[in-house]
Every structure is written in structure tokens, then in C-alpha cells.
Amino acid sequence: MVHQYASPAVDGPRIRALRIQSGLSVTDLARRIGITPQYLSQIENKHRPTVSPQTFAKFLAAMGVEDREILKPSTSSDDRPAA
């Protein structure tokens, strides 16, 4: 069982792909979520593999994603971002 306050792991390259697909710049998405563009860049480049539960929820809302699993790293060895 995952504790509700645990920091969720995120798939930075998948977030980048979804951001680009949505036509958002790093600055636009960061502003919507309430984080700095630098922090978002670190997430997208896998320098920050986890985020707070609140930030994860804001990613879901800002990107219009209903499936929480889409932003989490896949368990397969396939490291390509989902389109």
C-alpha cells in the first residue's frame, strides 16, 4: 500500500512529450503548476525523479490527464515517452 504522503515517481520524458503535444512551453506549464521553469526542466531531464503529491496532482490537472499512471515511470525497459 502506498502512503498518501509518499513522493510519487514521475516520468520526466513522458511529461515533456505531453507538454509539447499540448503546445505548452516549459514556462507555461510551470506557471500553471506553481513551480519554477528550472524545477520543471529538472523533472523533465530526470534530475528530479519524484515530486510532492500536491505537485503530482497539479501536473494531472494542468495537463488534463485523468490516468495517474501515465505520468509515472513505466516498469518496462522501454524508455521511450508515450505520445
N, C-alpha and C. Protein backbone atom coordinates (compact mmCIF):
# COMPACT_ATOMS: atom_id res chain seq x y z
N MET A 1 0.84 -1.18 0.00
CA MET A 1 0.00 0.00 0.00
C MET A 1 0.88 1.24 0.00
N VAL A 2 0.56 2.19 -0.87
CA VAL A 2 1.34 3.42 -0.98
C VAL A 2 0.74 4.45 -0.03
N HIS A 3 1.59 5.04 0.77
CA HIS A 3 1.15 6.07 1.71
C HIS A 3 0.76 7.31 0.92
N GLN A 4 -0.30 7.98 1.33
CA GLN A 4 -0.80 9.13 0.59
C GLN A 4 0.18 10.30 0.56
N TYR A 5 1.15 10.31 1.47
CA TYR A 5 2.11 11.41 1.50
C TYR A 5 3.45 11.05 0.88
N ALA A 6 3.55 9.87 0.32
CA ALA A 6 4.80 9.46 -0.33
C ALA A 6 5.00 10.29 -1.59
N SER A 7 6.24 10.58 -1.91
CA SER A 7 6.55 11.35 -3.11
C SER A 7 6.45 10.45 -4.33
N PRO A 8 5.49 10.72 -5.22
CA PRO A 8 5.35 9.86 -6.40
C PRO A 8 6.51 10.02 -7.38
N ALA A 9 6.92 8.91 -7.94
CA ALA A 9 7.91 8.94 -9.02
C ALA A 9 7.21 9.44 -10.28
N VAL A 10 7.93 10.20 -11.09
CA VAL A 10 7.37 10.72 -12.33
C VAL A 10 8.28 10.38 -13.50
N ASP A 11 7.68 10.29 -14.67
CA ASP A 11 8.42 10.03 -15.91
C ASP A 11 8.63 11.36 -16.62
N GLY A 12 9.80 11.95 -16.38
CA GLY A 12 10.11 13.27 -16.94
C GLY A 12 9.98 13.35 -18.45
N PRO A 13 10.57 12.40 -19.19
CA PRO A 13 10.44 12.47 -20.65
C PRO A 13 8.98 12.36 -21.12
N ARG A 14 8.17 11.59 -20.42
CA ARG A 14 6.75 11.49 -20.78
C ARG A 14 6.05 12.82 -20.51
N ILE A 15 6.39 13.46 -19.39
CA ILE A 15 5.82 14.78 -19.09
C ILE A 15 6.20 15.76 -20.18
N ARG A 16 7.46 15.73 -20.61
CA ARG A 16 7.91 16.62 -21.69
C ARG A 16 7.11 16.37 -22.96
N ALA A 17 6.94 15.10 -23.32
CA ALA A 17 6.21 14.77 -24.55
C ALA A 17 4.77 15.26 -24.47
N LEU A 18 4.12 15.07 -23.33
CA LEU A 18 2.74 15.54 -23.17
C LEU A 18 2.67 17.06 -23.19
N ARG A 19 3.66 17.72 -22.60
CA ARG A 19 3.71 19.18 -22.59
C ARG A 19 3.83 19.71 -24.02
N ILE A 20 4.74 19.13 -24.77
CA ILE A 20 4.94 19.56 -26.16
C ILE A 20 3.70 19.27 -26.99
N GLN A 21 3.13 18.10 -26.79
CA GLN A 21 1.90 17.72 -27.51
C GLN A 21 0.77 18.70 -27.21
N SER A 22 0.76 19.24 -26.00
CA SER A 22 -0.27 20.19 -25.60
C SER A 22 0.04 21.61 -26.06
N GLY A 23 1.23 21.81 -26.64
CA GLY A 23 1.60 23.13 -27.13
C GLY A 23 2.02 24.09 -26.03
N LEU A 24 2.46 23.55 -24.90
CA LEU A 24 2.87 24.39 -23.78
C LEU A 24 4.39 24.51 -23.72
N SER A 25 4.85 25.70 -23.37
CA SER A 25 6.28 25.88 -23.13
C SER A 25 6.57 25.44 -21.69
N VAL A 26 7.84 25.31 -21.38
CA VAL A 26 8.24 24.98 -20.01
C VAL A 26 7.70 26.04 -19.06
N THR A 27 7.82 27.30 -19.44
CA THR A 27 7.36 28.40 -18.60
C THR A 27 5.85 28.34 -18.39
N ASP A 28 5.10 28.06 -19.46
CA ASP A 28 3.63 27.98 -19.36
C ASP A 28 3.20 26.89 -18.38
N LEU A 29 3.75 25.69 -18.55
CA LEU A 29 3.34 24.59 -17.69
C LEU A 29 3.79 24.84 -16.25
N ALA A 30 5.00 25.33 -16.08
CA ALA A 30 5.50 25.61 -14.73
C ALA A 30 4.58 26.62 -14.03
N ARG A 31 4.18 27.65 -14.74
CA ARG A 31 3.30 28.67 -14.16
C ARG A 31 1.96 28.05 -13.76
N ARG A 32 1.40 27.18 -14.59
CA ARG A 32 0.12 26.53 -14.28
C ARG A 32 0.21 25.67 -13.03
N ILE A 33 1.37 25.05 -12.83
CA ILE A 33 1.55 24.14 -11.70
C ILE A 33 1.99 24.87 -10.44
N GLY A 34 2.62 26.03 -10.63
CA GLY A 34 3.11 26.77 -9.47
C GLY A 34 4.52 26.39 -9.07
N ILE A 35 5.32 25.98 -10.06
CA ILE A 35 6.73 25.67 -9.83
C ILE A 35 7.56 26.52 -10.78
N THR A 36 8.86 26.54 -10.57
CA THR A 36 9.72 27.32 -11.46
C THR A 36 10.01 26.54 -12.74
N PRO A 37 10.28 27.25 -13.83
CA PRO A 37 10.67 26.57 -15.06
C PRO A 37 11.92 25.70 -14.87
N GLN A 38 12.83 26.14 -14.01
CA GLN A 38 14.04 25.38 -13.74
C GLN A 38 13.70 24.03 -13.08
N TYR A 39 12.77 24.07 -12.13
CA TYR A 39 12.36 22.84 -11.45
C TYR A 39 11.69 21.89 -12.44
N LEU A 40 10.83 22.42 -13.32
CA LEU A 40 10.18 21.59 -14.33
C LEU A 40 11.22 20.99 -15.27
N SER A 41 12.21 21.76 -15.65
CA SER A 41 13.27 21.26 -16.50
C SER A 41 14.03 20.12 -15.82
N GLN A 42 14.28 20.24 -14.53
CA GLN A 42 14.95 19.18 -13.80
C GLN A 42 14.10 17.91 -13.78
N ILE A 43 12.80 18.06 -13.64
CA ILE A 43 11.90 16.90 -13.66
C ILE A 43 11.95 16.24 -15.04
N GLU A 44 11.80 17.04 -16.10
CA GLU A 44 11.78 16.50 -17.45
C GLU A 44 13.09 15.82 -17.82
N ASN A 45 14.20 16.29 -17.27
CA ASN A 45 15.51 15.73 -17.58
C ASN A 45 15.96 14.66 -16.59
N LYS A 46 15.03 14.15 -15.79
CA LYS A 46 15.26 13.06 -14.84
C LYS A 46 16.21 13.40 -13.71
N HIS A 47 16.42 14.69 -13.44
CA HIS A 47 17.26 15.09 -12.31
C HIS A 47 16.45 15.11 -11.02
N ARG A 48 15.13 15.12 -11.16
CA ARG A 48 14.20 15.07 -10.02
C ARG A 48 13.20 13.95 -10.32
N PRO A 49 13.49 12.74 -9.86
CA PRO A 49 12.63 11.59 -10.21
C PRO A 49 11.32 11.51 -9.43
N THR A 50 11.18 12.31 -8.36
CA THR A 50 9.94 12.31 -7.59
C THR A 50 9.49 13.75 -7.38
N VAL A 51 8.20 13.90 -7.11
CA VAL A 51 7.64 15.21 -6.78
C VAL A 51 6.70 15.02 -5.59
N SER A 52 6.30 16.11 -5.00
CA SER A 52 5.35 16.01 -3.88
C SER A 52 3.99 15.55 -4.42
N PRO A 53 3.18 14.95 -3.56
CA PRO A 53 1.84 14.55 -4.00
C PRO A 53 1.03 15.73 -4.54
N GLN A 54 1.21 16.91 -3.94
CA GLN A 54 0.48 18.09 -4.40
C GLN A 54 0.92 18.50 -5.80
N THR A 55 2.22 18.47 -6.06
CA THR A 55 2.73 18.81 -7.39
C THR A 55 2.27 17.79 -8.41
N PHE A 56 2.26 16.51 -8.04
CA PHE A 56 1.80 15.47 -8.94
C PHE A 56 0.34 15.72 -9.33
N ALA A 57 -0.48 16.06 -8.35
CA ALA A 57 -1.90 16.35 -8.62
C ALA A 57 -2.04 17.57 -9.53
N LYS A 58 -1.19 18.56 -9.34
CA LYS A 58 -1.23 19.76 -10.20
C LYS A 58 -0.82 19.42 -11.63
N PHE A 59 0.16 18.51 -11.79
CA PHE A 59 0.53 18.05 -13.14
C PHE A 59 -0.68 17.43 -13.82
N LEU A 60 -1.36 16.54 -13.12
CA LEU A 60 -2.53 15.87 -13.69
C LEU A 60 -3.57 16.89 -14.14
N ALA A 61 -3.87 17.85 -13.28
CA ALA A 61 -4.89 18.85 -13.59
C ALA A 61 -4.46 19.75 -14.75
N ALA A 62 -3.21 20.22 -14.70
CA ALA A 62 -2.73 21.16 -15.72
C ALA A 62 -2.64 20.53 -17.10
N MET A 63 -2.37 19.22 -17.14
CA MET A 63 -2.20 18.54 -18.42
C MET A 63 -3.49 17.85 -18.85
N GLY A 64 -4.53 17.95 -18.03
CA GLY A 64 -5.80 17.33 -18.38
C GLY A 64 -5.73 15.82 -18.43
N VAL A 65 -4.91 15.26 -17.55
CA VAL A 65 -4.70 13.81 -17.52
C VAL A 65 -5.53 13.22 -16.39
N GLU A 66 -6.31 12.20 -16.71
CA GLU A 66 -7.13 11.55 -15.69
C GLU A 66 -6.47 10.29 -15.14
N ASP A 67 -5.66 9.63 -15.96
CA ASP A 67 -5.00 8.39 -15.55
C ASP A 67 -3.68 8.72 -14.86
N ARG A 68 -3.63 8.55 -13.55
CA ARG A 68 -2.43 8.87 -12.77
C ARG A 68 -1.20 8.10 -13.25
N GLU A 69 -1.42 6.91 -13.79
CA GLU A 69 -0.30 6.05 -14.19
C GLU A 69 0.47 6.61 -15.38
N ILE A 70 -0.15 7.49 -16.17
CA ILE A 70 0.52 7.98 -17.38
C ILE A 70 1.74 8.83 -17.05
N LEU A 71 1.78 9.45 -15.89
CA LEU A 71 2.91 10.29 -15.52
C LEU A 71 3.96 9.54 -14.71
N LYS A 72 3.67 8.30 -14.36
CA LYS A 72 4.62 7.51 -13.58
C LYS A 72 5.55 6.74 -14.52
N PRO A 73 6.77 6.49 -14.09
CA PRO A 73 7.71 5.73 -14.93
C PRO A 73 7.16 4.33 -15.21
N SER A 74 7.40 3.87 -16.42
CA SER A 74 6.97 2.51 -16.75
C SER A 74 7.90 1.51 -16.09
N THR A 75 7.41 0.31 -15.93
CA THR A 75 8.23 -0.72 -15.30
C THR A 75 8.99 -1.53 -16.34
N SER A 76 8.73 -1.25 -17.62
CA SER A 76 9.43 -1.98 -18.68
C SER A 76 10.77 -1.32 -18.97
N SER A 77 11.58 -1.97 -19.75
CA SER A 77 12.87 -1.42 -20.12
C SER A 77 12.75 -0.42 -21.26
N ASP A 78 11.56 -0.30 -21.83
CA ASP A 78 11.31 0.64 -22.92
C ASP A 78 11.24 2.04 -22.34
N ASP A 79 12.20 2.90 -22.65
CA ASP A 79 12.31 4.21 -22.05
C ASP A 79 11.79 5.32 -22.95
N ARG A 80 11.03 4.97 -23.98
CA ARG A 80 10.51 5.99 -24.88
C ARG A 80 9.30 6.67 -24.26
N PRO A 81 9.18 8.02 -24.45
CA PRO A 81 7.98 8.70 -23.94
C PRO A 81 6.75 8.30 -24.73
N ALA A 82 5.61 8.24 -24.06
CA ALA A 82 4.36 7.93 -24.73
C ALA A 82 3.89 9.14 -25.51
N ALA A 83 3.31 8.91 -26.65
CA ALA A 83 2.82 10.04 -27.46
C ALA A 83 1.35 10.22 -27.26
